[in-house]
PDB file of N, CA and C in Angstrom:
ATOM      1  N   GLN A   1     -55.687  29.402 132.474  1.00  0.00           N
ATOM      2  CA  GLN A   1     -55.599  30.841 132.212  1.00  0.00           C
ATOM      3  C   GLN A   1     -54.742  31.113 130.986  1.00  0.00           C
ATOM      4  N   VAL A   2     -55.130  32.124 130.252  1.00  0.00           N
ATOM      5  CA  VAL A   2     -54.350  32.608 129.119  1.00  0.00           C
ATOM      6  C   VAL A   2     -54.099  34.083 129.355  1.00  0.00           C
ATOM      7  N   GLN A   3     -52.844  34.478 129.294  1.00  0.00           N
ATOM      8  CA  GLN A   3     -52.497  35.886 129.420  1.00  0.00           C
ATOM      9  C   GLN A   3     -52.233  36.447 128.029  1.00  0.00           C
ATOM     10  N   LEU A   4     -52.808  37.611 127.761  1.00  0.00           N
ATOM     11  CA  LEU A   4     -52.715  38.228 126.440  1.00  0.00           C
ATOM     12  C   LEU A   4     -52.161  39.642 126.572  1.00  0.00           C
ATOM     13  N   VAL A   5     -51.209  39.963 125.714  1.00  0.00           N
ATOM     14  CA  VAL A   5     -50.612  41.296 125.731  1.00  0.00           C
ATOM     15  C   VAL A   5     -50.574  41.845 124.313  1.00  0.00           C
ATOM     16  N   GLU A   6     -51.304  42.944 124.093  1.00  0.00           N
ATOM     17  CA  GLU A   6     -51.343  43.582 122.783  1.00  0.00           C
ATOM     18  C   GLU A   6     -50.216  44.604 122.647  1.00  0.00           C
ATOM     19  N   SER A   7     -49.812  44.836 121.416  1.00  0.00           N
ATOM     20  CA  SER A   7     -48.830  45.866 121.104  1.00  0.00           C
ATOM     21  C   SER A   7     -49.044  46.316 119.671  1.00  0.00           C
ATOM     22  N   GLY A   8     -48.411  47.421 119.309  1.00  0.00           N
ATOM     23  CA  GLY A   8     -48.443  47.881 117.937  1.00  0.00           C
ATOM     24  C   GLY A   8     -49.361  49.052 117.663  1.00  0.00           C
ATOM     25  N   GLY A   9     -50.092  49.485 118.669  1.00  0.00           N
ATOM     26  CA  GLY A   9     -50.961  50.633 118.466  1.00  0.00           C
ATOM     27  C   GLY A   9     -50.163  51.913 118.323  1.00  0.00           C
ATOM     28  N   GLY A  10     -50.866  52.995 117.970  1.00  0.00           N
ATOM     29  CA  GLY A  10     -50.190  54.273 117.826  1.00  0.00           C
ATOM     30  C   GLY A  10     -51.040  55.266 117.077  1.00  0.00           C
ATOM     31  N   LEU A  11     -50.400  56.344 116.666  1.00  0.00           N
ATOM     32  CA  LEU A  11     -51.048  57.423 115.922  1.00  0.00           C
ATOM     33  C   LEU A  11     -50.651  57.309 114.457  1.00  0.00           C
ATOM     34  N   VAL A  12     -51.640  57.338 113.576  1.00  0.00           N
ATOM     35  CA  VAL A  12     -51.375  57.222 112.150  1.00  0.00           C
ATOM     36  C   VAL A  12     -52.343  58.132 111.402  1.00  0.00           C
ATOM     37  N   GLN A  13     -51.919  58.607 110.254  1.00  0.00           N
ATOM     38  CA  GLN A  13     -52.799  59.428 109.438  1.00  0.00           C
ATOM     39  C   GLN A  13     -53.790  58.556 108.675  1.00  0.00           C
ATOM     40  N   ALA A  14     -54.900  59.146 108.324  1.00  0.00           N
ATOM     41  CA  ALA A  14     -55.897  58.432 107.519  1.00  0.00           C
ATOM     42  C   ALA A  14     -55.242  57.902 106.249  1.00  0.00           C
ATOM     43  N   GLY A  15     -55.582  56.675 105.903  1.00  0.00           N
ATOM     44  CA  GLY A  15     -54.990  56.010 104.763  1.00  0.00           C
ATOM     45  C   GLY A  15     -53.758  55.197 105.091  1.00  0.00           C
ATOM     46  N   GLY A  16     -53.257  55.354 106.297  1.00  0.00           N
ATOM     47  CA  GLY A  16     -52.060  54.638 106.714  1.00  0.00           C
ATOM     48  C   GLY A  16     -52.358  53.237 107.206  1.00  0.00           C
ATOM     49  N   SER A  17     -51.311  52.591 107.712  1.00  0.00           N
ATOM     50  CA  SER A  17     -51.415  51.207 108.154  1.00  0.00           C
ATOM     51  C   SER A  17     -50.785  51.029 109.525  1.00  0.00           C
ATOM     52  N   LEU A  18     -51.284  50.047 110.243  1.00  0.00           N
ATOM     53  CA  LEU A  18     -50.694  49.596 111.500  1.00  0.00           C
ATOM     54  C   LEU A  18     -50.848  48.086 111.571  1.00  0.00           C
ATOM     55  N   ARG A  19     -49.937  47.460 112.285  1.00  0.00           N
ATOM     56  CA  ARG A  19     -50.042  46.028 112.541  1.00  0.00           C
ATOM     57  C   ARG A  19     -50.048  45.805 114.043  1.00  0.00           C
ATOM     58  N   LEU A  20     -51.150  45.290 114.537  1.00  0.00           N
ATOM     59  CA  LEU A  20     -51.257  44.962 115.952  1.00  0.00           C
ATOM     60  C   LEU A  20     -50.825  43.513 116.176  1.00  0.00           C
ATOM     61  N   SER A  21     -50.203  43.292 117.305  1.00  0.00           N
ATOM     62  CA  SER A  21     -49.820  41.945 117.712  1.00  0.00           C
ATOM     63  C   SER A  21     -50.417  41.644 119.075  1.00  0.00           C
ATOM     64  N   CYS A  22     -50.682  40.389 119.314  1.00  0.00           N
ATOM     65  CA  CYS A  22     -51.197  39.942 120.606  1.00  0.00           C
ATOM     66  C   CYS A  22     -50.437  38.676 120.974  1.00  0.00           C
ATOM     67  N   ALA A  23     -49.588  38.776 121.983  1.00  0.00           N
ATOM     68  CA  ALA A  23     -48.784  37.643 122.426  1.00  0.00           C
ATOM     69  C   ALA A  23     -49.496  36.929 123.569  1.00  0.00           C
ATOM     70  N   ALA A  24     -49.570  35.620 123.466  1.00  0.00           N
ATOM     71  CA  ALA A  24     -50.278  34.812 124.458  1.00  0.00           C
ATOM     72  C   ALA A  24     -49.304  33.960 125.259  1.00  0.00           C
ATOM     73  N   SER A  25     -49.650  33.737 126.500  1.00  0.00           N
ATOM     74  CA  SER A  25     -48.896  32.817 127.358  1.00  0.00           C
ATOM     75  C   SER A  25     -49.880  32.095 128.253  1.00  0.00           C
ATOM     76  N   GLY A  26     -49.424  30.992 128.838  1.00  0.00           N
ATOM     77  CA  GLY A  26     -50.308  30.220 129.702  1.00  0.00           C
ATOM     78  C   GLY A  26     -50.729  28.948 129.016  1.00  0.00           C
ATOM     79  N   ARG A  27     -52.011  28.713 128.951  1.00  0.00           N
ATOM     80  CA  ARG A  27     -52.526  27.496 128.327  1.00  0.00           C
ATOM     81  C   ARG A  27     -52.209  27.454 126.851  1.00  0.00           C
ATOM     82  N   THR A  28     -52.380  26.313 126.255  1.00  0.00           N
ATOM     83  CA  THR A  28     -52.021  26.097 124.858  1.00  0.00           C
ATOM     84  C   THR A  28     -52.752  27.074 123.955  1.00  0.00           C
ATOM     85  N   PHE A  29     -51.991  27.956 123.343  1.00  0.00           N
ATOM     86  CA  PHE A  29     -52.549  28.995 122.480  1.00  0.00           C
ATOM     87  C   PHE A  29     -53.313  28.397 121.314  1.00  0.00           C
ATOM     88  N   SER A  30     -52.768  27.336 120.743  1.00  0.00           N
ATOM     89  CA  SER A  30     -53.369  26.774 119.537  1.00  0.00           C
ATOM     90  C   SER A  30     -54.728  26.143 119.806  1.00  0.00           C
ATOM     91  N   GLY A  31     -55.098  25.973 121.062  1.00  0.00           N
ATOM     92  CA  GLY A  31     -56.396  25.408 121.378  1.00  0.00           C
ATOM     93  C   GLY A  31     -57.529  26.416 121.369  1.00  0.00           C
ATOM     94  N   TYR A  32     -57.217  27.677 121.138  1.00  0.00           N
ATOM     95  CA  TYR A  32     -58.212  28.738 121.241  1.00  0.00           C
ATOM     96  C   TYR A  32     -58.435  29.443 119.910  1.00  0.00           C
ATOM     97  N   ALA A  33     -59.690  29.788 119.665  1.00  0.00           N
ATOM     98  CA  ALA A  33     -59.984  30.782 118.646  1.00  0.00           C
ATOM     99  C   ALA A  33     -59.615  32.146 119.231  1.00  0.00           C
ATOM    100  N   MET A  34     -59.215  33.058 118.359  1.00  0.00           N
ATOM    101  CA  MET A  34     -58.793  34.379 118.802  1.00  0.00           C
ATOM    102  C   MET A  34     -59.618  35.452 118.110  1.00  0.00           C
ATOM    103  N   GLY A  35     -59.876  36.509 118.840  1.00  0.00           N
ATOM    104  CA  GLY A  35     -60.649  37.600 118.277  1.00  0.00           C
ATOM    105  C   GLY A  35     -60.023  38.952 118.572  1.00  0.00           C
ATOM    106  N   TRP A  36     -60.356  39.909 117.725  1.00  0.00           N
ATOM    107  CA  TRP A  36     -60.019  41.313 117.973  1.00  0.00           C
ATOM    108  C   TRP A  36     -61.327  42.096 118.118  1.00  0.00           C
ATOM    109  N   PHE A  37     -61.344  42.932 119.116  1.00  0.00           N
ATOM    110  CA  PHE A  37     -62.464  43.826 119.361  1.00  0.00           C
ATOM    111  C   PHE A  37     -61.923  45.240 119.510  1.00  0.00           C
ATOM    112  N   ARG A  38     -62.813  46.220 119.449  1.00  0.00           N
ATOM    113  CA  ARG A  38     -62.382  47.601 119.667  1.00  0.00           C
ATOM    114  C   ARG A  38     -63.477  48.364 120.407  1.00  0.00           C
ATOM    115  N   GLN A  39     -63.037  49.388 121.108  1.00  0.00           N
ATOM    116  CA  GLN A  39     -63.980  50.222 121.844  1.00  0.00           C
ATOM    117  C   GLN A  39     -63.560  51.671 121.721  1.00  0.00           C
ATOM    118  N   ALA A  40     -64.442  52.450 121.117  1.00  0.00           N
ATOM    119  CA  ALA A  40     -64.233  53.881 120.979  1.00  0.00           C
ATOM    120  C   ALA A  40     -64.849  54.593 122.184  1.00  0.00           C
ATOM    121  N   PRO A  41     -64.394  55.808 122.482  1.00  0.00           N
ATOM    122  CA  PRO A  41     -64.941  56.537 123.634  1.00  0.00           C
ATOM    123  C   PRO A  41     -66.452  56.693 123.536  1.00  0.00           C
ATOM    124  N   GLY A  42     -67.136  56.350 124.610  1.00  0.00           N
ATOM    125  CA  GLY A  42     -68.571  56.506 124.647  1.00  0.00           C
ATOM    126  C   GLY A  42     -69.356  55.445 123.902  1.00  0.00           C
ATOM    127  N   LYS A  43     -68.659  54.449 123.380  1.00  0.00           N
ATOM    128  CA  LYS A  43     -69.329  53.397 122.621  1.00  0.00           C
ATOM    129  C   LYS A  43     -69.073  52.041 123.258  1.00  0.00           C
ATOM    130  N   GLU A  44     -69.920  51.083 122.897  1.00  0.00           N
ATOM    131  CA  GLU A  44     -69.735  49.729 123.392  1.00  0.00           C
ATOM    132  C   GLU A  44     -68.592  49.040 122.628  1.00  0.00           C
ATOM    133  N   ARG A  45     -68.038  48.037 123.271  1.00  0.00           N
ATOM    134  CA  ARG A  45     -67.004  47.241 122.612  1.00  0.00           C
ATOM    135  C   ARG A  45     -67.628  46.502 121.427  1.00  0.00           C
ATOM    136  N   GLU A  46     -66.955  46.530 120.289  1.00  0.00           N
ATOM    137  CA  GLU A  46     -67.505  45.899 119.098  1.00  0.00           C
ATOM    138  C   GLU A  46     -66.523  44.909 118.484  1.00  0.00           C
ATOM    139  N   PHE A  47     -67.099  43.911 117.836  1.00  0.00           N
ATOM    140  CA  PHE A  47     -66.335  42.879 117.166  1.00  0.00           C
ATOM    141  C   PHE A  47     -65.610  43.440 115.953  1.00  0.00           C
ATOM    142  N   VAL A  48     -64.376  42.988 115.733  1.00  0.00           N
ATOM    143  CA  VAL A  48     -63.607  43.380 114.554  1.00  0.00           C
ATOM    144  C   VAL A  48     -63.327  42.165 113.669  1.00  0.00           C
ATOM    145  N   ALA A  49     -62.727  41.123 114.257  1.00  0.00           N
ATOM    146  CA  ALA A  49     -62.359  39.946 113.468  1.00  0.00           C
ATOM    147  C   ALA A  49     -62.114  38.773 114.408  1.00  0.00           C
ATOM    148  N   THR A  50     -62.252  37.573 113.856  1.00  0.00           N
ATOM    149  CA  THR A  50     -61.954  36.382 114.629  1.00  0.00           C
ATOM    150  C   THR A  50     -61.346  35.325 113.715  1.00  0.00           C
ATOM    151  N   ILE A  51     -60.519  34.468 114.300  1.00  0.00           N
ATOM    152  CA  ILE A  51     -59.827  33.437 113.540  1.00  0.00           C
ATOM    153  C   ILE A  51     -59.861  32.139 114.338  1.00  0.00           C
ATOM    154  N   SER A  52     -60.107  31.037 113.640  1.00  0.00           N
ATOM    155  CA  SER A  52     -60.169  29.739 114.301  1.00  0.00           C
ATOM    156  C   SER A  52     -58.786  29.288 114.752  1.00  0.00           C
ATOM    157  N   TRP A  53     -58.750  28.184 115.518  1.00  0.00           N
ATOM    158  CA  TRP A  53     -57.494  27.743 116.121  1.00  0.00           C
ATOM    159  C   TRP A  53     -56.412  27.460 115.089  1.00  0.00           C
ATOM    160  N   ASN A  54     -56.809  26.989 113.903  1.00  0.00           N
ATOM    161  CA  ASN A  54     -55.823  26.653 112.873  1.00  0.00           C
ATOM    162  C   ASN A  54     -55.770  27.674 111.749  1.00  0.00           C
ATOM    163  N   GLY A  55     -56.508  28.769 111.897  1.00  0.00           N
ATOM    164  CA  GLY A  55     -56.505  29.801 110.868  1.00  0.00           C
ATOM    165  C   GLY A  55     -57.387  29.489 109.679  1.00  0.00           C
ATOM    166  N   GLY A  56     -58.113  28.376 109.748  1.00  0.00           N
ATOM    167  CA  GLY A  56     -58.891  27.947 108.596  1.00  0.00           C
ATOM    168  C   GLY A  56     -60.196  28.687 108.405  1.00  0.00           C
ATOM    169  N   THR A  57     -60.694  29.319 109.454  1.00  0.00           N
ATOM    170  CA  THR A  57     -61.957  30.058 109.368  1.00  0.00           C
ATOM    171  C   THR A  57     -61.747  31.446 109.947  1.00  0.00           C
ATOM    172  N   ILE A  58     -62.191  32.428 109.214  1.00  0.00           N
ATOM    173  CA  ILE A  58     -62.017  33.828 109.613  1.00  0.00           C
ATOM    174  C   ILE A  58     -63.307  34.590 109.336  1.00  0.00           C
ATOM    175  N   TYR A  59     -63.666  35.458 110.253  1.00  0.00           N
ATOM    176  CA  TYR A  59     -64.804  36.355 110.052  1.00  0.00           C
ATOM    177  C   TYR A  59     -64.366  37.789 110.345  1.00  0.00           C
ATOM    178  N   TYR A  60     -64.949  38.727 109.598  1.00  0.00           N
ATOM    179  CA  TYR A  60     -64.678  40.140 109.797  1.00  0.00           C
ATOM    180  C   TYR A  60     -65.979  40.908 109.978  1.00  0.00           C
ATOM    181  N   GLU A  61     -65.894  41.969 110.740  1.00  0.00           N
ATOM    182  CA  GLU A  61     -66.993  42.933 110.781  1.00  0.00           C
ATOM    183  C   GLU A  61     -67.038  43.628 109.425  1.00  0.00           C
ATOM    184  N   ASP A  62     -68.232  43.970 108.967  1.00  0.00           N
ATOM    185  CA  ASP A  62     -68.387  44.459 107.594  1.00  0.00           C
ATOM    186  C   ASP A  62     -67.534  45.692 107.302  1.00  0.00           C
ATOM    187  N   SER A  63     -67.422  46.593 108.251  1.00  0.00           N
ATOM    188  CA  SER A  63     -66.744  47.853 107.964  1.00  0.00           C
ATOM    189  C   SER A  63     -65.228  47.707 107.820  1.00  0.00           C
ATOM    190  N   VAL A  64     -64.673  46.574 108.245  1.00  0.00           N
ATOM    191  CA  VAL A  64     -63.224  46.391 108.143  1.00  0.00           C
ATOM    192  C   VAL A  64     -62.839  45.377 107.078  1.00  0.00           C
ATOM    193  N   GLU A  65     -63.802  44.605 106.597  1.00  0.00           N
ATOM    194  CA  GLU A  65     -63.476  43.585 105.589  1.00  0.00           C
ATOM    195  C   GLU A  65     -62.880  44.228 104.353  1.00  0.00           C
ATOM    196  N   GLY A  66     -61.768  43.648 103.897  1.00  0.00           N
ATOM    197  CA  GLY A  66     -61.060  44.206 102.753  1.00  0.00           C
ATOM    198  C   GLY A  66     -59.971  45.187 103.141  1.00  0.00           C
ATOM    199  N   ARG A  67     -60.014  45.667 104.380  1.00  0.00           N
ATOM    200  CA  ARG A  67     -58.980  46.589 104.863  1.00  0.00           C
ATOM    201  C   ARG A  67     -58.126  45.959 105.954  1.00  0.00           C
ATOM    202  N   PHE A  68     -58.730  45.134 106.782  1.00  0.00           N
ATOM    203  CA  PHE A  68     -58.021  44.493 107.902  1.00  0.00           C
ATOM    204  C   PHE A  68     -57.816  43.013 107.590  1.00  0.00           C
ATOM    205  N   THR A  69     -56.721  42.467 108.109  1.00  0.00           N
ATOM    206  CA  THR A  69     -56.437  41.039 107.964  1.00  0.00           C
ATOM    207  C   THR A  69     -55.997  40.470 109.303  1.00  0.00           C
ATOM    208  N   ILE A  70     -56.718  39.456 109.747  1.00  0.00           N
ATOM    209  CA  ILE A  70     -56.337  38.761 110.970  1.00  0.00           C
ATOM    210  C   ILE A  70     -55.541  37.517 110.594  1.00  0.00           C
ATOM    211  N   SER A  71     -54.520  37.218 111.365  1.00  0.00           N
ATOM    212  CA  SER A  71     -53.721  36.022 111.132  1.00  0.00           C
ATOM    213  C   SER A  71     -53.136  35.560 112.460  1.00  0.00           C
ATOM    214  N   ARG A  72     -52.594  34.365 112.475  1.00  0.00           N
ATOM    215  CA  ARG A  72     -51.990  33.853 113.689  1.00  0.00           C
ATOM    216  C   ARG A  72     -50.794  32.981 113.362  1.00  0.00           C
ATOM    217  N   ASP A  73     -49.875  32.924 114.315  1.00  0.00           N
ATOM    218  CA  ASP A  73     -48.709  32.070 114.215  1.00  0.00           C
ATOM    219  C   ASP A  73     -48.663  31.253 115.504  1.00  0.00           C
ATOM    220  N   ASN A  74     -49.134  30.031 115.447  1.00  0.00           N
ATOM    221  CA  ASN A  74     -49.216  29.218 116.658  1.00  0.00           C
ATOM    222  C   ASN A  74     -47.834  28.866 117.218  1.00  0.00           C
ATOM    223  N   ALA A  75     -46.827  28.832 116.368  1.00  0.00           N
ATOM    224  CA  ALA A  75     -45.468  28.559 116.852  1.00  0.00           C
ATOM    225  C   ALA A  75     -44.937  29.702 117.710  1.00  0.00           C
ATOM    226  N   LYS A  76     -45.447  30.907 117.447  1.00  0.00           N
ATOM    227  CA  LYS A  76     -45.026  32.081 118.207  1.00  0.00           C
ATOM    228  C   LYS A  76     -46.064  32.526 119.227  1.00  0.00           C
ATOM    229  N   ASN A  77     -47.160  31.772 119.334  1.00  0.00           N
ATOM    230  CA  ASN A  77     -48.233  32.127 120.273  1.00  0.00           C
ATOM    231  C   ASN A  77     -48.709  33.561 120.079  1.00  0.00           C
ATOM    232  N   THR A  78     -48.891  33.945 118.841  1.00  0.00           N
ATOM    233  CA  THR A  78     -49.220  35.332 118.532  1.00  0.00           C
ATOM    234  C   THR A  78     -50.314  35.413 117.477  1.00  0.00           C
ATOM    235  N   VAL A  79     -51.212  36.355 117.669  1.00  0.00           N
ATOM    236  CA  VAL A  79     -52.222  36.685 116.670  1.00  0.00           C
ATOM    237  C   VAL A  79     -51.996  38.131 116.238  1.00  0.00           C
ATOM    238  N   TYR A  80     -52.262  38.392 114.976  1.00  0.00           N
ATOM    239  CA  TYR A  80     -51.983  39.702 114.391  1.00  0.00           C
ATOM    240  C   TYR A  80     -53.258  40.312 113.813  1.00  0.00           C
ATOM    241  N   LEU A  81     -53.238  41.630 113.708  1.00  0.00           N
ATOM    242  CA  LEU A  81     -54.283  42.337 112.976  1.00  0.00           C
ATOM    243  C   LEU A  81     -53.589  43.394 112.121  1.00  0.00           C
ATOM    244  N   GLN A  82     -53.508  43.107 110.829  1.00  0.00           N
ATOM    245  CA  GLN A  82     -52.955  44.078 109.888  1.00  0.00           C
ATOM    246  C   GLN A  82     -54.071  45.013 109.468  1.00  0.00           C
ATOM    247  N   MET A  83     -53.877  46.298 109.684  1.00  0.00           N
ATOM    248  CA  MET A  83     -54.909  47.291 109.402  1.00  0.00           C
ATOM    249  C   MET A  83     -54.394  48.249 108.335  1.00  0.00           C
ATOM    250  N   ASN A  84     -55.035  48.234 107.187  1.00  0.00           N
ATOM    251  CA  ASN A  84     -54.669  49.111 106.082  1.00  0.00           C
ATOM    252  C   ASN A  84     -55.798  50.089 105.795  1.00  0.00           C
ATOM    253  N   SER A  85     -55.479  51.127 105.037  1.00  0.00           N
ATOM    254  CA  SER A  85     -56.485  52.129 104.656  1.00  0.00           C
ATOM    255  C   SER A  85     -57.269  52.609 105.864  1.00  0.00           C
ATOM    256  N   LEU A  86     -56.551  52.947 106.904  1.00  0.00           N
ATOM    257  CA  LEU A  86     -57.215  53.325 108.162  1.00  0.00           C
ATOM    258  C   LEU A  86     -57.997  54.615 108.005  1.00  0.00           C
ATOM    259  N   LYS A  87     -59.113  54.676 108.730  1.00  0.00           N
ATOM    260  CA  LYS A  87     -60.005  55.820 108.713  1.00  0.00           C
ATOM    261  C   LYS A  87     -60.117  56.398 110.123  1.00  0.00           C
ATOM    262  N   PRO A  88     -60.471  57.659 110.245  1.00  0.00           N
ATOM    263  CA  PRO A  88     -60.643  58.232 111.595  1.00  0.00           C
ATOM    264  C   PRO A  88     -61.635  57.436 112.450  1.00  0.00           C
ATOM    265  N   GLU A  89     -62.640  56.862 111.827  1.00  0.00           N
ATOM    266  CA  GLU A  89     -63.623  56.087 112.588  1.00  0.00           C
ATOM    267  C   GLU A  89     -63.078  54.754 113.095  1.00  0.00           C
ATOM    268  N   ASP A  90     -61.863  54.405 112.709  1.00  0.00           N
ATOM    269  CA  ASP A  90     -61.216  53.215 113.268  1.00  0.00           C
ATOM    270  C   ASP A  90     -60.544  53.517 114.607  1.00  0.00           C
ATOM    271  N   THR A  91     -60.527  54.775 115.002  1.00  0.00           N
ATOM    272  CA  THR A  91     -59.917  55.162 116.272  1.00  0.00           C
ATOM    273  C   THR A  91     -60.626  54.487 117.432  1.00  0.00           C
ATOM    274  N   ALA A  92     -59.856  53.781 118.255  1.00  0.00           N
ATOM    275  CA  ALA A  92     -60.419  53.034 119.378  1.00  0.00           C
ATOM    276  C   ALA A  92     -59.284  52.363 120.147  1.00  0.00           C
ATOM    277  N   VAL A  93     -59.634  51.808 121.291  1.00  0.00           N
ATOM    278  CA  VAL A  93     -58.738  50.872 121.963  1.00  0.00           C
ATOM    279  C   VAL A  93     -59.043  49.490 121.402  1.00  0.00           C
ATOM    280  N   TYR A  94     -58.010  48.811 120.948  1.00  0.00           N
ATOM    281  CA  TYR A  94     -58.168  47.488 120.348  1.00  0.00           C
ATOM    282  C   TYR A  94     -57.732  46.419 121.351  1.00  0.00           C
ATOM    283  N   TYR A  95     -58.594  45.415 121.481  1.00  0.00           N
ATOM    284  CA  TYR A  95     -58.361  44.322 122.416  1.00  0.00           C
ATOM    285  C   TYR A  95     -58.295  42.989 121.682  1.00  0.00           C
ATOM    286  N   CYS A  96     -57.402  42.121 122.107  1.00  0.00           N
ATOM    287  CA  CYS A  96     -57.478  40.751 121.633  1.00  0.00           C
ATOM    288  C   CYS A  96     -58.089  39.885 122.732  1.00  0.00           C
ATOM    289  N   ALA A  97     -58.674  38.778 122.319  1.00  0.00           N
ATOM    290  CA  ALA A  97     -59.371  37.913 123.256  1.00  0.00           C
ATOM    291  C   ALA A  97     -59.300  36.472 122.775  1.00  0.00           C
ATOM    292  N   ALA A  98     -59.431  35.546 123.717  1.00  0.00           N
ATOM    293  CA  ALA A  98     -59.368  34.120 123.409  1.00  0.00           C
ATOM    294  C   ALA A  98     -60.666  33.441 123.819  1.00  0.00           C
ATOM    295  N   ALA A  99     -61.091  32.505 122.995  1.00  0.00           N
ATOM    296  CA  ALA A  99     -62.323  31.756 123.277  1.00  0.00           C
ATOM    297  C   ALA A  99     -62.164  30.322 122.801  1.00  0.00           C
ATOM    298  N   GLU A 100     -63.022  29.447 123.295  1.00  0.00           N
ATOM    299  CA  GLU A 100     -62.920  28.038 122.928  1.00  0.00           C
ATOM    300  C   GLU A 100     -63.531  27.747 121.572  1.00  0.00           C
ATOM    301  N   ASP A 101     -64.212  28.730 120.990  1.00  0.00           N
ATOM    302  CA  ASP A 101     -64.789  28.551 119.660  1.00  0.00           C
ATOM    303  C   ASP A 101     -64.879  29.917 118.999  1.00  0.00           C
ATOM    304  N   LEU A 102     -65.259  29.916 117.733  1.00  0.00           N
ATOM    305  CA  LEU A 102     -65.412  31.175 117.012  1.00  0.00           C
ATOM    306  C   LEU A 102     -66.672  31.893 117.476  1.00  0.00           C
ATOM    307  N   PHE A 103     -66.496  33.112 117.966  1.00  0.00           N
ATOM    308  CA  PHE A 103     -67.619  33.921 118.398  1.00  0.00           C
ATOM    309  C   PHE A 103     -67.442  35.344 117.899  1.00  0.00           C
ATOM    310  N   VAL A 104     -68.561  36.048 117.778  1.00  0.00           N
ATOM    311  CA  VAL A 104     -68.486  37.451 117.382  1.00  0.00           C
ATOM    312  C   VAL A 104     -69.021  38.358 118.484  1.00  0.00           C
ATOM    313  N   VAL A 105     -69.389  37.781 119.614  1.00  0.00           N
ATOM    314  CA  VAL A 105     -69.916  38.544 120.737  1.00  0.00           C
ATOM    315  C   VAL A 105     -68.891  38.523 121.866  1.00  0.00           C
ATOM    316  N   SER A 106     -68.629  39.686 122.423  1.00  0.00           N
ATOM    317  CA  SER A 106     -67.549  39.797 123.404  1.00  0.00           C
ATOM    318  C   SER A 106     -67.780  38.945 124.647  1.00  0.00           C
ATOM    319  N   LYS A 107     -69.034  38.790 125.051  1.00  0.00           N
ATOM    320  CA  LYS A 107     -69.302  38.053 126.282  1.00  0.00           C
ATOM    321  C   LYS A 107     -68.934  36.575 126.181  1.00  0.00           C
ATOM    322  N   ASP A 108     -68.738  36.083 124.976  1.00  0.00           N
ATOM    323  CA  ASP A 108     -68.405  34.673 124.777  1.00  0.00           C
ATOM    324  C   ASP A 108     -66.902  34.406 124.857  1.00  0.00           C
ATOM    325  N   TYR A 109     -66.124  35.454 125.012  1.00  0.00           N
ATOM    326  CA  TYR A 109     -64.675  35.290 125.110  1.00  0.00           C
ATOM    327  C   TYR A 109     -64.261  35.181 126.568  1.00  0.00           C
ATOM    328  N   ASP A 110     -63.274  34.325 126.815  1.00  0.00           N
ATOM    329  CA  ASP A 110     -62.899  33.996 128.184  1.00  0.00           C
ATOM    330  C   ASP A 110     -61.732  34.820 128.716  1.00  0.00           C
ATOM    331  N   PHE A 111     -60.821  35.190 127.845  1.00  0.00           N
ATOM    332  CA  PHE A 111     -59.607  35.879 128.275  1.00  0.00           C
ATOM    333  C   PHE A 111     -59.388  37.107 127.402  1.00  0.00           C
ATOM    334  N   TRP A 112     -58.911  38.182 128.039  1.00  0.00           N
ATOM    335  CA  TRP A 112     -58.752  39.465 127.361  1.00  0.00           C
ATOM    336  C   TRP A 112     -57.393  40.073 127.670  1.00  0.00           C
ATOM    337  N   GLY A 113     -56.863  40.801 126.685  1.00  0.00           N
ATOM    338  CA  GLY A 113     -55.698  41.624 126.914  1.00  0.00           C
ATOM    339  C   GLY A 113     -56.098  42.974 127.476  1.00  0.00           C
ATOM    340  N   GLN A 114     -55.098  43.814 127.698  1.00  0.00           N
ATOM    341  CA  GLN A 114     -55.345  45.117 128.326  1.00  0.00           C
ATOM    342  C   GLN A 114     -55.686  46.193 127.308  1.00  0.00           C
ATOM    343  N   GLY A 115     -55.473  45.904 126.031  1.00  0.00           N
ATOM    344  CA  GLY A 115     -55.812  46.845 124.983  1.00  0.00           C
ATOM    345  C   GLY A 115     -54.646  47.703 124.535  1.00  0.00           C
ATOM    346  N   THR A 116     -54.731  48.158 123.301  1.00  0.00           N
ATOM    347  CA  THR A 116     -53.737  49.074 122.742  1.00  0.00           C
ATOM    348  C   THR A 116     -54.475  50.158 121.959  1.00  0.00           C
ATOM    349  N   GLN A 117     -54.059  51.394 122.139  1.00  0.00           N
ATOM    350  CA  GLN A 117     -54.756  52.535 121.540  1.00  0.00           C
ATOM    351  C   GLN A 117     -54.350  52.708 120.078  1.00  0.00           C
ATOM    352  N   VAL A 118     -55.342  52.861 119.229  1.00  0.00           N
ATOM    353  CA  VAL A 118     -55.127  53.207 117.828  1.00  0.00           C
ATOM    354  C   VAL A 118     -55.845  54.530 117.574  1.00  0.00           C
ATOM    355  N   THR A 119     -55.098  55.509 117.089  1.00  0.00           N
ATOM    356  CA  THR A 119     -55.668  56.808 116.784  1.00  0.00           C
ATOM    357  C   THR A 119     -55.364  57.146 115.332  1.00  0.00           C
ATOM    358  N   VAL A 120     -56.407  57.436 114.572  1.00  0.00           N
ATOM    359  CA  VAL A 120     -56.261  57.767 113.155  1.00  0.00           C
ATOM    360  C   VAL A 120     -56.668  59.220 112.976  1.00  0.00           C
ATOM    361  N   SER A 121     -55.740  60.020 112.534  1.00  0.00           N
ATOM    362  CA  SER A 121     -56.007  61.437 112.332  1.00  0.00           C
ATOM    363  C   SER A 121     -56.455  61.700 110.906  1.00  0.00           C
ATOM    364  N   SER A 122     -57.302  62.703 110.766  1.00  0.00           N
ATOM    365  CA  SER A 122     -57.837  63.030 109.428  1.00  0.00           C
ATOM    366  C   SER A 122     -56.954  64.043 108.716  1.00  0.00           C
TER     367      SER A 122
END
């Protein structure tokens, strides 16, 4: 089992920045690829970004590429999502998740955090 706890969400104006963190405990964090997903009200959960176990491979959803940066610190068992140039359409609950390989589909992830709310005002 891997336990994941997100933090760093909040209310920000359009154009602002937030940094989300996801702290992991349990099984060896460095053995997992990590992903960020988000879910807006009335919408399905969607992929945001994923990073391989060593940080060597990263994928982003098209709408966030160039604005968001995923990173990880295996010594701290933490994955981050730096979000810049935020837009109102980025408003959602953001979840981190762990998987045994790089995936962009939520059903392929094995462990999930409880989510953190990000609200971007116009």
